[in-house]
């Protein structure tokens, strides 16, 4: 079930990475087109990742004169203790790692597996952030766990499994219409702006 959800995400939200997976696994049956829902910056990031990783199987393009070119190296995919997968899209500006009960401020955009946005902290052109106590219930459990892995200034893209998102309930109206369907795997772009110790 989880494997199917990840495959769906790869095909809908991360089509370039799906092509990479197909190339690495030797499957010629995967044929994908880039979705119009993917922003130019994400498209560039994913395209660079695929080009770099594909080159690594032939000639390591990200190594020149014995030096590693960090700009061309494929991003490292990390996994939290409960299975959230994430990659850094912007390196941290600080060594500060938030702890439980710290007050954090984040900017985020939440995507469904079809690439549509279901929630965001700010519309284009605005500079709003969500401020909350880490470890509380202001956000889904997956965001709490993810933020504990980040440093201030870091931006990541993460895949959060259903059990750490909205679970079996989703976000649905009494009419049955759902903004987030039950058992939905979600994708988040998250930027950790600040972290501070709570007042005594």
N, C-alpha and C. Protein backbone atom coordinates (compact mmCIF):
# COMPACT_ATOMS: atom_id res chain seq x y z
N UNK A 1 0.83 -1.20 0.00
CA UNK A 1 0.00 0.00 0.00
C UNK A 1 0.86 1.25 0.00
N UNK A 2 1.87 1.27 0.91
CA UNK A 2 2.76 2.41 0.98
C UNK A 2 3.57 2.54 -0.31
N UNK A 3 3.99 1.41 -0.88
CA UNK A 3 4.76 1.43 -2.12
C UNK A 3 3.93 2.03 -3.25
N UNK A 4 2.63 1.71 -3.30
CA UNK A 4 1.76 2.27 -4.33
C UNK A 4 1.63 3.77 -4.17
N UNK A 5 1.54 4.24 -2.93
CA UNK A 5 1.43 5.68 -2.68
C UNK A 5 2.69 6.39 -3.14
N UNK A 6 3.86 5.81 -2.84
CA UNK A 6 5.11 6.43 -3.26
C UNK A 6 5.21 6.44 -4.78
N UNK A 7 4.78 5.34 -5.44
CA UNK A 7 4.81 5.31 -6.90
C UNK A 7 3.92 6.39 -7.48
N UNK A 8 2.75 6.58 -6.89
CA UNK A 8 1.83 7.62 -7.36
C UNK A 8 2.45 9.00 -7.21
N UNK A 9 3.09 9.25 -6.07
CA UNK A 9 3.75 10.54 -5.86
C UNK A 9 4.84 10.74 -6.90
N UNK A 10 5.63 9.72 -7.10
CA UNK A 10 6.73 9.85 -8.06
C UNK A 10 6.19 10.17 -9.45
N UNK A 11 5.07 9.56 -9.84
CA UNK A 11 4.54 9.78 -11.17
C UNK A 11 3.81 11.10 -11.31
N UNK A 12 3.12 11.55 -10.26
CA UNK A 12 2.31 12.76 -10.35
C UNK A 12 3.05 14.02 -9.93
N UNK A 13 3.76 13.96 -8.81
CA UNK A 13 4.39 15.15 -8.26
C UNK A 13 5.86 15.24 -8.65
N UNK A 14 6.53 14.10 -8.74
CA UNK A 14 7.94 14.08 -9.06
C UNK A 14 8.19 13.26 -10.33
N UNK A 15 7.65 13.65 -11.49
CA UNK A 15 7.80 12.83 -12.69
C UNK A 15 9.24 12.64 -13.12
N UNK A 16 10.09 13.63 -12.93
CA UNK A 16 11.49 13.48 -13.31
C UNK A 16 12.17 12.41 -12.48
N UNK A 17 11.84 12.36 -11.19
CA UNK A 17 12.42 11.32 -10.35
C UNK A 17 11.89 9.95 -10.72
N UNK A 18 10.65 9.89 -11.19
CA UNK A 18 10.11 8.61 -11.63
C UNK A 18 10.88 8.09 -12.84
N UNK A 19 11.26 8.99 -13.74
CA UNK A 19 12.06 8.61 -14.89
C UNK A 19 13.41 8.07 -14.42
N UNK A 20 14.01 8.73 -13.42
CA UNK A 20 15.27 8.28 -12.87
C UNK A 20 15.15 6.88 -12.30
N UNK A 21 14.09 6.65 -11.53
CA UNK A 21 13.87 5.33 -10.94
C UNK A 21 13.74 4.28 -12.04
N UNK A 22 12.99 4.60 -13.09
CA UNK A 22 12.82 3.67 -14.20
C UNK A 22 14.15 3.39 -14.88
N UNK A 23 14.98 4.42 -15.05
CA UNK A 23 16.29 4.25 -15.68
C UNK A 23 17.19 3.37 -14.85
N UNK A 24 17.24 3.64 -13.55
CA UNK A 24 18.09 2.87 -12.65
C UNK A 24 17.65 1.42 -12.58
N UNK A 25 16.33 1.21 -12.56
CA UNK A 25 15.81 -0.16 -12.44
C UNK A 25 15.77 -0.88 -13.79
N UNK A 26 16.08 -0.18 -14.87
CA UNK A 26 16.10 -0.81 -16.18
C UNK A 26 14.73 -1.00 -16.77
N UNK A 27 13.72 -0.27 -16.30
CA UNK A 27 12.37 -0.41 -16.83
C UNK A 27 12.15 0.58 -17.95
N UNK A 28 11.81 0.08 -19.13
CA UNK A 28 11.55 0.96 -20.27
C UNK A 28 10.07 1.25 -20.40
N UNK A 29 9.27 0.71 -19.49
CA UNK A 29 7.82 0.84 -19.63
C UNK A 29 7.26 2.12 -19.01
N UNK A 30 8.10 2.86 -18.30
CA UNK A 30 7.61 4.08 -17.66
C UNK A 30 7.78 5.25 -18.62
N UNK A 31 6.67 5.85 -18.98
CA UNK A 31 6.72 7.01 -19.86
C UNK A 31 5.94 8.13 -19.21
N UNK A 32 6.63 9.22 -18.89
CA UNK A 32 5.99 10.29 -18.15
C UNK A 32 6.25 11.63 -18.81
N UNK A 33 5.30 12.56 -18.62
CA UNK A 33 5.48 13.93 -19.09
C UNK A 33 5.46 14.84 -17.88
N UNK A 34 6.19 15.95 -17.96
CA UNK A 34 6.18 16.89 -16.84
C UNK A 34 4.82 17.50 -16.69
N UNK A 35 4.36 17.59 -15.45
CA UNK A 35 3.05 18.16 -15.16
C UNK A 35 3.12 19.67 -15.14
N UNK A 36 2.08 20.32 -15.61
CA UNK A 36 2.02 21.78 -15.60
C UNK A 36 1.89 22.30 -14.18
N UNK A 37 1.52 21.43 -13.22
CA UNK A 37 1.35 21.87 -11.84
C UNK A 37 2.69 22.08 -11.13
N UNK A 38 3.79 21.63 -11.75
CA UNK A 38 5.08 21.71 -11.09
C UNK A 38 5.70 23.07 -11.38
N UNK A 39 6.13 23.76 -10.34
CA UNK A 39 6.69 25.10 -10.51
C UNK A 39 8.02 25.02 -11.24
N UNK A 40 8.42 26.12 -11.93
CA UNK A 40 9.69 26.13 -12.66
C UNK A 40 10.88 25.80 -11.77
N UNK A 41 10.89 26.30 -10.52
CA UNK A 41 12.02 26.03 -9.66
C UNK A 41 12.09 24.55 -9.30
N UNK A 42 10.94 23.92 -9.03
CA UNK A 42 10.92 22.50 -8.73
C UNK A 42 11.31 21.70 -9.97
N UNK A 43 10.81 22.14 -11.14
CA UNK A 43 11.14 21.45 -12.39
C UNK A 43 12.64 21.49 -12.62
N UNK A 44 13.27 22.66 -12.41
CA UNK A 44 14.71 22.78 -12.61
C UNK A 44 15.47 21.90 -11.63
N UNK A 45 15.01 21.90 -10.36
CA UNK A 45 15.65 21.09 -9.33
C UNK A 45 15.58 19.60 -9.69
N UNK A 46 14.41 19.14 -10.08
CA UNK A 46 14.24 17.73 -10.41
C UNK A 46 14.98 17.36 -11.69
N UNK A 47 14.96 18.26 -12.69
CA UNK A 47 15.66 17.98 -13.94
C UNK A 47 17.16 17.85 -13.69
N UNK A 48 17.71 18.76 -12.86
CA UNK A 48 19.13 18.70 -12.54
C UNK A 48 19.44 17.41 -11.80
N UNK A 49 18.55 16.99 -10.91
CA UNK A 49 18.75 15.76 -10.15
C UNK A 49 18.81 14.55 -11.08
N UNK A 50 17.88 14.48 -12.03
CA UNK A 50 17.85 13.36 -12.96
C UNK A 50 19.08 13.36 -13.85
N UNK A 51 19.44 14.52 -14.37
CA UNK A 51 20.61 14.60 -15.25
C UNK A 51 21.87 14.17 -14.52
N UNK A 52 22.00 14.63 -13.30
CA UNK A 52 23.18 14.31 -12.51
C UNK A 52 23.24 12.83 -12.16
N UNK A 53 22.12 12.30 -11.68
CA UNK A 53 22.10 10.90 -11.27
C UNK A 53 22.28 9.97 -12.47
N UNK A 54 21.65 10.31 -13.60
CA UNK A 54 21.81 9.47 -14.79
C UNK A 54 23.26 9.48 -15.26
N UNK A 55 23.89 10.64 -15.20
CA UNK A 55 25.29 10.74 -15.60
C UNK A 55 26.20 9.96 -14.68
N UNK A 56 25.80 9.82 -13.45
CA UNK A 56 26.64 9.11 -12.48
C UNK A 56 26.80 7.64 -12.83
N UNK A 57 25.85 7.09 -13.60
CA UNK A 57 25.95 5.68 -13.97
C UNK A 57 26.85 5.47 -15.18
N UNK A 58 27.16 6.55 -15.90
CA UNK A 58 28.06 6.45 -17.04
C UNK A 58 29.38 7.12 -16.67
N UNK A 59 29.43 8.44 -16.84
CA UNK A 59 30.59 9.21 -16.43
C UNK A 59 30.15 10.12 -15.31
N UNK A 60 30.83 10.14 -14.19
CA UNK A 60 30.41 11.01 -13.09
C UNK A 60 30.58 12.48 -13.46
N UNK A 61 29.51 13.10 -13.99
CA UNK A 61 29.55 14.47 -14.48
C UNK A 61 29.80 15.48 -13.37
N UNK A 62 29.49 15.10 -12.13
CA UNK A 62 29.65 16.06 -11.05
C UNK A 62 31.05 16.04 -10.46
N UNK A 63 31.95 15.25 -11.07
CA UNK A 63 33.34 15.24 -10.63
C UNK A 63 34.19 15.73 -11.80
N UNK A 64 34.91 16.82 -11.58
CA UNK A 64 35.80 17.37 -12.61
C UNK A 64 37.15 17.65 -11.96
N UNK A 65 38.20 17.17 -12.60
CA UNK A 65 39.56 17.35 -12.07
C UNK A 65 39.69 16.86 -10.63
N UNK A 66 38.98 15.79 -10.33
CA UNK A 66 39.06 15.20 -9.00
C UNK A 66 38.29 15.96 -7.93
N UNK A 67 37.57 17.02 -8.30
CA UNK A 67 36.81 17.83 -7.34
C UNK A 67 35.31 17.59 -7.52
N UNK A 68 34.59 17.47 -6.41
CA UNK A 68 33.14 17.29 -6.47
C UNK A 68 32.47 18.65 -6.64
N UNK A 69 31.61 18.76 -7.66
CA UNK A 69 30.83 19.98 -7.87
C UNK A 69 29.51 19.79 -7.13
N UNK A 70 29.38 20.41 -5.95
CA UNK A 70 28.20 20.24 -5.10
C UNK A 70 26.92 20.68 -5.80
N UNK A 71 27.02 21.66 -6.71
CA UNK A 71 25.83 22.17 -7.40
C UNK A 71 25.22 21.12 -8.31
N UNK A 72 26.04 20.17 -8.79
CA UNK A 72 25.54 19.16 -9.72
C UNK A 72 25.26 17.81 -9.04
N UNK A 73 25.73 17.62 -7.83
CA UNK A 73 25.53 16.35 -7.15
C UNK A 73 24.05 16.15 -6.83
N UNK A 74 23.58 14.92 -6.97
CA UNK A 74 22.17 14.60 -6.68
C UNK A 74 21.87 14.84 -5.20
N UNK A 75 20.66 15.30 -4.87
CA UNK A 75 20.35 15.55 -3.46
C UNK A 75 20.27 14.24 -2.69
N UNK A 76 20.64 14.32 -1.42
CA UNK A 76 20.58 13.14 -0.56
C UNK A 76 19.16 13.02 -0.01
N UNK A 77 18.57 11.83 -0.12
CA UNK A 77 17.25 11.57 0.41
C UNK A 77 17.43 10.98 1.81
N UNK A 78 16.87 11.66 2.80
CA UNK A 78 16.97 11.21 4.18
C UNK A 78 15.62 10.67 4.64
N UNK A 79 15.64 9.86 5.69
CA UNK A 79 14.41 9.29 6.24
C UNK A 79 14.39 9.47 7.75
N UNK A 80 13.28 9.99 8.28
CA UNK A 80 13.13 10.17 9.73
C UNK A 80 12.82 8.81 10.37
N UNK A 81 12.85 8.73 11.70
CA UNK A 81 12.57 7.46 12.38
C UNK A 81 11.22 6.83 12.03
N UNK A 82 10.21 7.64 11.68
CA UNK A 82 8.90 7.10 11.36
C UNK A 82 8.58 7.10 9.87
N UNK A 83 9.60 7.24 9.03
CA UNK A 83 9.40 7.01 7.59
C UNK A 83 9.12 8.22 6.72
N UNK A 84 9.33 9.43 7.21
CA UNK A 84 9.19 10.61 6.35
C UNK A 84 10.45 10.73 5.52
N UNK A 85 10.28 10.82 4.21
CA UNK A 85 11.43 10.97 3.32
C UNK A 85 11.54 12.43 2.92
N UNK A 86 12.78 12.97 2.95
CA UNK A 86 12.94 14.37 2.59
C UNK A 86 14.31 14.64 1.98
N UNK A 87 14.36 15.72 1.20
CA UNK A 87 15.61 16.17 0.58
C UNK A 87 15.73 17.67 0.82
N UNK A 88 16.94 18.12 1.07
CA UNK A 88 17.19 19.54 1.29
C UNK A 88 17.20 20.27 -0.05
N UNK A 89 16.43 21.36 -0.13
CA UNK A 89 16.42 22.19 -1.33
C UNK A 89 17.11 23.53 -1.09
N UNK A 90 17.36 23.86 0.19
CA UNK A 90 18.12 25.06 0.56
C UNK A 90 18.86 24.74 1.85
N UNK A 91 20.16 24.95 1.82
CA UNK A 91 20.98 24.62 2.98
C UNK A 91 20.67 25.55 4.17
N UNK A 92 20.88 25.08 5.40
CA UNK A 92 20.59 25.91 6.58
C UNK A 92 21.54 27.10 6.68
N UNK A 93 21.08 28.12 7.39
CA UNK A 93 21.90 29.30 7.64
C UNK A 93 22.41 29.31 9.08
N UNK A 94 22.05 28.31 9.85
CA UNK A 94 22.39 28.25 11.27
C UNK A 94 22.60 26.80 11.67
N UNK A 95 23.22 26.59 12.81
CA UNK A 95 23.38 25.23 13.35
C UNK A 95 22.30 24.90 14.36
N UNK A 96 21.38 25.85 14.59
CA UNK A 96 20.33 25.66 15.58
C UNK A 96 19.32 24.61 15.13
N UNK A 97 19.13 23.58 15.96
CA UNK A 97 18.14 22.53 15.71
C UNK A 97 17.07 22.66 16.79
N UNK A 98 15.80 22.83 16.40
CA UNK A 98 14.74 22.99 17.40
C UNK A 98 14.50 21.73 18.22
N UNK A 99 14.07 21.95 19.46
CA UNK A 99 13.73 20.86 20.37
C UNK A 99 12.25 20.95 20.73
N UNK A 100 11.71 19.88 21.30
CA UNK A 100 10.32 19.91 21.78
C UNK A 100 10.07 21.13 22.65
N UNK A 101 8.92 21.76 22.44
CA UNK A 101 8.44 22.92 23.18
C UNK A 101 9.08 24.23 22.73
N UNK A 102 10.06 24.19 21.81
CA UNK A 102 10.58 25.44 21.24
C UNK A 102 9.48 26.08 20.41
N UNK A 103 9.56 27.39 20.27
CA UNK A 103 8.62 28.11 19.41
C UNK A 103 9.28 28.26 18.05
N UNK A 104 8.67 27.67 17.03
CA UNK A 104 9.24 27.70 15.69
C UNK A 104 8.33 28.48 14.75
N UNK A 105 8.92 29.02 13.70
CA UNK A 105 8.16 29.68 12.64
C UNK A 105 8.56 29.02 11.33
N UNK A 106 7.55 28.56 10.59
CA UNK A 106 7.82 27.89 9.31
C UNK A 106 6.96 28.50 8.21
N UNK A 107 7.46 28.38 7.00
CA UNK A 107 6.66 28.62 5.81
C UNK A 107 6.51 27.26 5.14
N UNK A 108 5.32 26.95 4.66
CA UNK A 108 5.14 25.65 4.01
C UNK A 108 4.07 25.72 2.93
N UNK A 109 4.17 24.76 2.03
CA UNK A 109 3.13 24.51 1.04
C UNK A 109 2.86 23.01 1.06
N UNK A 110 1.59 22.64 1.18
CA UNK A 110 1.21 21.23 1.21
C UNK A 110 0.56 20.83 -0.10
N UNK A 111 0.99 19.70 -0.66
CA UNK A 111 0.49 19.21 -1.95
C UNK A 111 -0.16 17.84 -1.78
N UNK A 112 -1.19 17.60 -2.57
CA UNK A 112 -1.74 16.25 -2.69
C UNK A 112 -0.89 15.50 -3.70
N UNK A 113 -1.12 14.20 -3.83
CA UNK A 113 -0.30 13.41 -4.75
C UNK A 113 -0.55 13.73 -6.22
N UNK A 114 -1.64 14.46 -6.53
CA UNK A 114 -1.86 14.88 -7.91
C UNK A 114 -1.18 16.22 -8.21
N UNK A 115 -0.44 16.75 -7.21
CA UNK A 115 0.29 17.99 -7.41
C UNK A 115 -0.48 19.24 -7.03
N UNK A 116 -1.77 19.12 -6.69
CA UNK A 116 -2.55 20.30 -6.33
C UNK A 116 -2.25 20.72 -4.89
N UNK A 117 -2.25 22.04 -4.66
CA UNK A 117 -1.97 22.59 -3.33
C UNK A 117 -3.24 22.53 -2.49
N UNK A 118 -3.13 21.99 -1.27
CA UNK A 118 -4.29 21.97 -0.38
C UNK A 118 -4.13 22.96 0.77
N UNK A 119 -2.90 23.42 1.02
CA UNK A 119 -2.69 24.37 2.11
C UNK A 119 -1.34 25.06 1.91
N UNK A 120 -1.25 26.31 2.35
CA UNK A 120 0.01 27.06 2.27
C UNK A 120 -0.02 28.18 3.30
N UNK A 121 1.15 28.55 3.78
CA UNK A 121 1.21 29.61 4.79
C UNK A 121 1.09 30.99 4.18
N UNK A 122 1.33 31.11 2.92
CA UNK A 122 1.26 32.43 2.31
C UNK A 122 0.94 32.33 0.82
N UNK A 123 0.22 33.34 0.37
CA UNK A 123 -0.03 33.46 -1.06
C UNK A 123 1.18 34.16 -1.68
N UNK A 124 1.28 34.09 -3.00
CA UNK A 124 2.41 34.70 -3.67
C UNK A 124 2.49 36.19 -3.34
N UNK A 125 3.69 36.64 -3.01
CA UNK A 125 3.89 38.04 -2.72
C UNK A 125 3.72 38.42 -1.26
N UNK A 126 3.27 37.49 -0.42
CA UNK A 126 3.10 37.77 1.00
C UNK A 126 4.19 37.05 1.80
N UNK A 127 4.44 37.52 3.00
CA UNK A 127 5.51 36.96 3.83
C UNK A 127 4.97 36.51 5.18
N UNK A 128 4.03 35.62 5.17
CA UNK A 128 3.47 35.11 6.42
C UNK A 128 4.14 33.80 6.80
N UNK A 129 4.16 33.49 8.07
CA UNK A 129 4.71 32.23 8.55
C UNK A 129 3.80 31.70 9.65
N UNK A 130 3.83 30.39 9.84
CA UNK A 130 3.07 29.76 10.91
C UNK A 130 4.00 29.61 12.11
N UNK A 131 3.60 30.17 13.25
CA UNK A 131 4.39 30.07 14.47
C UNK A 131 3.64 29.18 15.47
N UNK A 132 4.35 28.22 16.06
CA UNK A 132 3.70 27.28 16.97
C UNK A 132 4.73 26.63 17.88
N UNK A 133 4.23 25.94 18.92
CA UNK A 133 5.10 25.20 19.83
C UNK A 133 5.36 23.82 19.24
N UNK A 134 6.63 23.51 19.05
CA UNK A 134 7.01 22.23 18.46
C UNK A 134 6.64 21.08 19.39
N UNK A 135 6.02 20.05 18.82
CA UNK A 135 5.60 18.89 19.60
C UNK A 135 4.15 18.96 20.03
N UNK A 136 3.51 20.09 19.81
CA UNK A 136 2.09 20.22 20.14
C UNK A 136 1.22 19.70 19.01
N UNK A 137 -0.06 20.08 19.02
CA UNK A 137 -0.96 19.57 17.99
C UNK A 137 -1.41 20.66 17.01
N UNK A 138 -0.59 21.71 16.84
CA UNK A 138 -0.91 22.78 15.90
C UNK A 138 -0.74 22.33 14.45
N UNK A 139 0.11 21.32 14.24
CA UNK A 139 0.35 20.79 12.90
C UNK A 139 0.25 19.26 12.94
N UNK A 140 0.24 18.63 11.77
CA UNK A 140 0.17 17.17 11.73
C UNK A 140 1.44 16.58 12.34
N UNK A 141 1.36 15.37 12.90
CA UNK A 141 2.53 14.76 13.55
C UNK A 141 3.77 14.71 12.64
N UNK A 142 3.55 14.50 11.36
CA UNK A 142 4.68 14.42 10.43
C UNK A 142 5.48 15.70 10.35
N UNK A 143 4.81 16.84 10.41
CA UNK A 143 5.53 18.12 10.39
C UNK A 143 6.32 18.31 11.69
N UNK A 144 5.74 17.92 12.81
CA UNK A 144 6.48 17.99 14.08
C UNK A 144 7.76 17.17 14.00
N UNK A 145 7.64 15.95 13.50
CA UNK A 145 8.82 15.07 13.41
C UNK A 145 9.84 15.63 12.43
N UNK A 146 9.39 16.10 11.30
CA UNK A 146 10.29 16.63 10.28
C UNK A 146 11.07 17.83 10.79
N UNK A 147 10.38 18.77 11.43
CA UNK A 147 11.03 20.01 11.87
C UNK A 147 12.12 19.74 12.90
N UNK A 148 11.96 18.67 13.69
CA UNK A 148 12.99 18.32 14.68
C UNK A 148 14.29 17.86 14.00
N UNK A 149 14.21 17.55 12.71
CA UNK A 149 15.39 17.10 11.96
C UNK A 149 16.10 18.26 11.26
N UNK A 150 15.47 19.43 11.20
CA UNK A 150 15.98 20.55 10.42
C UNK A 150 16.78 21.53 11.26
N UNK A 151 17.53 22.37 10.55
CA UNK A 151 18.24 23.49 11.16
C UNK A 151 17.62 24.77 10.65
N UNK A 152 17.73 25.83 11.41
CA UNK A 152 17.14 27.11 11.02
C UNK A 152 17.73 27.56 9.68
N UNK A 153 16.85 28.00 8.80
CA UNK A 153 17.25 28.44 7.46
C UNK A 153 17.19 27.35 6.42
N UNK A 154 16.96 26.12 6.84
CA UNK A 154 16.91 24.99 5.92
C UNK A 154 15.54 24.88 5.27
N UNK A 155 15.54 24.54 3.99
CA UNK A 155 14.29 24.29 3.27
C UNK A 155 14.36 22.88 2.70
N UNK A 156 13.26 22.13 2.86
CA UNK A 156 13.23 20.74 2.39
C UNK A 156 11.93 20.46 1.65
N UNK A 157 11.96 19.38 0.90
CA UNK A 157 10.74 18.84 0.30
C UNK A 157 10.59 17.44 0.90
N UNK A 158 9.39 17.17 1.43
CA UNK A 158 9.19 15.94 2.20
C UNK A 158 7.94 15.19 1.75
N UNK A 159 7.99 13.86 1.86
CA UNK A 159 6.84 12.99 1.62
C UNK A 159 6.41 12.46 2.98
N UNK A 160 5.18 12.80 3.38
CA UNK A 160 4.67 12.40 4.69
C UNK A 160 3.60 11.33 4.53
N UNK A 161 3.81 10.14 5.11
CA UNK A 161 2.84 9.06 4.97
C UNK A 161 1.53 9.38 5.70
N UNK A 162 0.43 8.72 5.30
CA UNK A 162 -0.89 9.02 5.87
C UNK A 162 -0.96 8.99 7.38
N UNK A 163 -0.31 8.00 8.00
CA UNK A 163 -0.41 7.85 9.46
C UNK A 163 0.24 9.02 10.21
N UNK A 164 1.08 9.81 9.52
CA UNK A 164 1.68 10.99 10.14
C UNK A 164 1.08 12.27 9.59
N UNK A 165 0.02 12.12 8.79
CA UNK A 165 -0.67 13.29 8.21
C UNK A 165 -2.09 13.33 8.79
N UNK A 166 -3.10 13.15 7.93
CA UNK A 166 -4.49 13.23 8.41
C UNK A 166 -5.14 11.86 8.57
N UNK A 167 -4.34 10.79 8.42
CA UNK A 167 -4.77 9.44 8.74
C UNK A 167 -6.02 8.96 8.04
N UNK A 168 -6.83 8.20 8.77
CA UNK A 168 -8.05 7.59 8.23
C UNK A 168 -9.18 8.59 8.06
N UNK A 169 -9.07 9.76 8.66
CA UNK A 169 -10.16 10.74 8.59
C UNK A 169 -10.03 11.70 7.42
N UNK A 170 -8.82 12.08 7.09
CA UNK A 170 -8.63 13.10 6.06
C UNK A 170 -9.19 14.43 6.55
N UNK A 171 -9.48 15.31 5.61
CA UNK A 171 -10.17 16.57 5.92
C UNK A 171 -11.40 16.61 5.03
N UNK A 172 -12.54 16.25 5.60
CA UNK A 172 -13.77 16.11 4.81
C UNK A 172 -14.92 16.90 5.43
N UNK A 173 -15.83 17.35 4.57
CA UNK A 173 -17.05 18.01 5.00
C UNK A 173 -18.11 16.96 5.35
N UNK A 174 -19.17 17.40 6.00
CA UNK A 174 -20.26 16.47 6.33
C UNK A 174 -20.92 15.92 5.07
N UNK A 175 -20.81 16.65 3.97
CA UNK A 175 -21.40 16.20 2.70
C UNK A 175 -20.61 15.05 2.08
N UNK A 176 -19.41 14.81 2.61
CA UNK A 176 -18.57 13.74 2.06
C UNK A 176 -17.47 14.26 1.15
N UNK A 177 -17.54 15.53 0.76
CA UNK A 177 -16.50 16.12 -0.09
C UNK A 177 -15.25 16.31 0.76
N UNK A 178 -14.08 15.95 0.21
CA UNK A 178 -12.84 15.99 0.98
C UNK A 178 -11.80 16.90 0.34
N UNK A 179 -11.21 17.75 1.17
CA UNK A 179 -10.05 18.54 0.74
C UNK A 179 -8.84 17.62 0.69
N UNK A 180 -8.69 16.79 1.74
CA UNK A 180 -7.66 15.75 1.78
C UNK A 180 -8.39 14.45 2.05
N UNK A 181 -8.32 13.51 1.13
CA UNK A 181 -9.02 12.23 1.29
C UNK A 181 -8.38 11.39 2.39
N UNK A 182 -9.17 10.53 3.03
CA UNK A 182 -8.60 9.63 4.04
C UNK A 182 -7.45 8.81 3.47
N UNK A 183 -6.46 8.54 4.31
CA UNK A 183 -5.29 7.74 3.95
C UNK A 183 -4.47 8.36 2.84
N UNK A 184 -4.41 9.69 2.79
CA UNK A 184 -3.63 10.38 1.76
C UNK A 184 -2.19 10.59 2.20
N UNK A 185 -1.26 10.26 1.31
CA UNK A 185 0.14 10.62 1.48
C UNK A 185 0.28 12.05 0.97
N UNK A 186 1.03 12.87 1.70
CA UNK A 186 1.15 14.28 1.36
C UNK A 186 2.60 14.66 1.08
N UNK A 187 2.76 15.73 0.32
CA UNK A 187 4.08 16.29 0.00
C UNK A 187 4.11 17.71 0.53
N UNK A 188 5.19 18.06 1.22
CA UNK A 188 5.33 19.41 1.77
C UNK A 188 6.66 20.02 1.35
N UNK A 189 6.62 21.31 0.99
CA UNK A 189 7.82 22.14 0.94
C UNK A 189 7.81 22.88 2.27
N UNK A 190 8.88 22.77 3.05
CA UNK A 190 8.94 23.37 4.38
C UNK A 190 10.22 24.18 4.52
N UNK A 191 10.07 25.41 5.01
CA UNK A 191 11.21 26.28 5.29
C UNK A 191 11.17 26.65 6.77
N UNK A 192 12.20 26.28 7.52
CA UNK A 192 12.28 26.61 8.94
C UNK A 192 12.91 27.99 9.09
N UNK A 193 12.08 28.97 9.42
CA UNK A 193 12.56 30.36 9.51
C UNK A 193 13.26 30.65 10.82
N UNK A 194 12.61 30.32 11.93
CA UNK A 194 13.20 30.63 13.23
C UNK A 194 12.87 29.54 14.24
N UNK A 195 13.66 29.50 15.29
CA UNK A 195 13.40 28.62 16.43
C UNK A 195 13.90 29.33 17.67
N UNK A 196 13.06 29.36 18.72
CA UNK A 196 13.49 30.03 19.95
C UNK A 196 12.98 29.24 21.16
N UNK A 197 13.72 29.39 22.25
CA UNK A 197 13.35 28.72 23.49
C UNK A 197 12.10 29.40 24.05
N UNK A 198 11.12 28.61 24.52
CA UNK A 198 9.90 29.23 25.03
C UNK A 198 10.16 30.02 26.31
N UNK A 199 9.34 31.02 26.58
CA UNK A 199 9.52 31.77 27.83
C UNK A 199 9.25 30.89 29.04
N UNK A 200 9.87 31.18 30.19
CA UNK A 200 9.68 30.34 31.39
C UNK A 200 8.27 30.44 31.93
